[in-house]
Amino acid sequence: MQALGNDFIVIDAQSLLAQAATETLLQHWQEVLPTLAQRLCSRRFGIGADGLLLAIDLKQKQLSELAIQIYG
């Protein structure tokens, strides 16, 4: 995804549910995501982007407002 010259890696968590290896990521996403974002967004050693967006379906609406974090 690209906006105003910035590009982002977007991960849809729903598509990861079928893979057992991503279970830890989804259960502990708040601890894992900063490191994952840093590695994926590295233009030299990763995919390369200005930030990472992880779309997670949160069951409680009030949590969805608190869960918006942009790493980059």
Protein backbone atom coordinates (compact mmCIF):
# COMPACT_ATOMS: atom_id res chain seq x y z
CA MET A 1 0.00 0.00 0.00
CA GLN A 2 1.29 3.48 -0.80
CA ALA A 3 0.10 6.88 0.39
CA LEU A 4 1.67 10.29 -0.22
CA GLY A 5 5.04 8.78 -1.03
CA ASN A 6 5.09 6.43 1.97
CA ASP A 7 4.74 2.71 1.40
CA PHE A 8 3.40 0.20 3.90
CA ILE A 9 3.41 -3.57 4.24
CA VAL A 10 -0.13 -4.72 5.05
CA ILE A 11 -0.69 -8.09 6.72
CA ASP A 12 -4.24 -9.46 6.99
CA ALA A 13 -4.27 -11.59 10.15
CA GLN A 14 -7.34 -13.51 8.95
CA SER A 15 -5.27 -15.00 6.13
CA LEU A 16 -2.67 -16.17 8.68
CA LEU A 17 -5.11 -18.15 10.83
CA ALA A 18 -4.74 -21.30 8.70
CA GLN A 19 -0.99 -21.46 9.37
CA ALA A 20 0.12 -22.96 12.69
CA ALA A 21 3.44 -21.08 12.63
CA THR A 22 1.66 -17.73 12.98
CA GLU A 23 -0.32 -18.70 16.08
CA THR A 24 2.32 -17.16 18.37
CA LEU A 25 2.30 -13.94 16.36
CA LEU A 26 -1.44 -13.59 16.64
CA GLN A 27 -1.57 -14.45 20.34
CA HIS A 28 1.28 -12.12 21.32
CA TRP A 29 1.14 -9.57 18.52
CA GLN A 30 1.80 -6.59 20.79
CA GLU A 31 5.18 -7.99 21.87
CA VAL A 32 6.20 -9.48 18.50
CA LEU A 33 5.12 -6.75 16.10
CA PRO A 34 7.78 -4.08 16.79
CA THR A 35 10.62 -6.49 15.97
CA LEU A 36 8.76 -7.98 13.01
CA ALA A 37 8.07 -4.51 11.61
CA GLN A 38 11.70 -3.48 11.99
CA ARG A 39 12.92 -6.55 10.12
CA LEU A 40 10.32 -6.51 7.34
CA CYS A 41 10.60 -2.76 6.75
CA SER A 42 14.38 -2.78 6.41
CA ARG A 43 15.11 -1.75 2.82
CA ARG A 44 18.49 -3.44 2.99
CA PHE A 45 17.63 -6.78 4.62
CA GLY A 46 13.82 -7.04 4.43
CA ILE A 47 10.98 -6.27 2.04
CA GLY A 48 11.45 -2.54 2.50
CA ALA A 49 8.72 -0.13 3.56
CA ASP A 50 8.02 2.93 5.68
CA GLY A 51 5.73 1.00 8.02
CA LEU A 52 3.81 -2.17 8.77
CA LEU A 53 0.05 -2.46 9.23
CA LEU A 54 -1.37 -5.63 10.80
CA ALA A 55 -5.13 -5.98 10.36
CA ILE A 56 -6.58 -7.98 13.25
CA ASP A 57 -10.29 -8.59 13.77
CA LEU A 58 -10.85 -7.60 17.40
CA LYS A 59 -14.05 -8.83 19.02
CA GLN A 60 -14.45 -5.87 21.39
CA LYS A 61 -15.02 -2.54 19.65
CA GLN A 62 -13.36 -0.45 22.35
CA LEU A 63 -10.14 -2.46 21.90
CA SER A 64 -10.00 -1.74 18.18
CA GLU A 65 -9.44 1.95 18.84
CA LEU A 66 -6.61 1.17 21.25
CA ALA A 67 -5.01 -1.40 18.97
CA ILE A 68 -4.11 1.00 16.19
CA GLN A 69 -0.33 1.24 16.20
CA ILE A 70 1.87 2.09 13.26
CA TYR A 71 5.42 0.75 13.30
CA GLY A 72 7.98 2.19 10.99
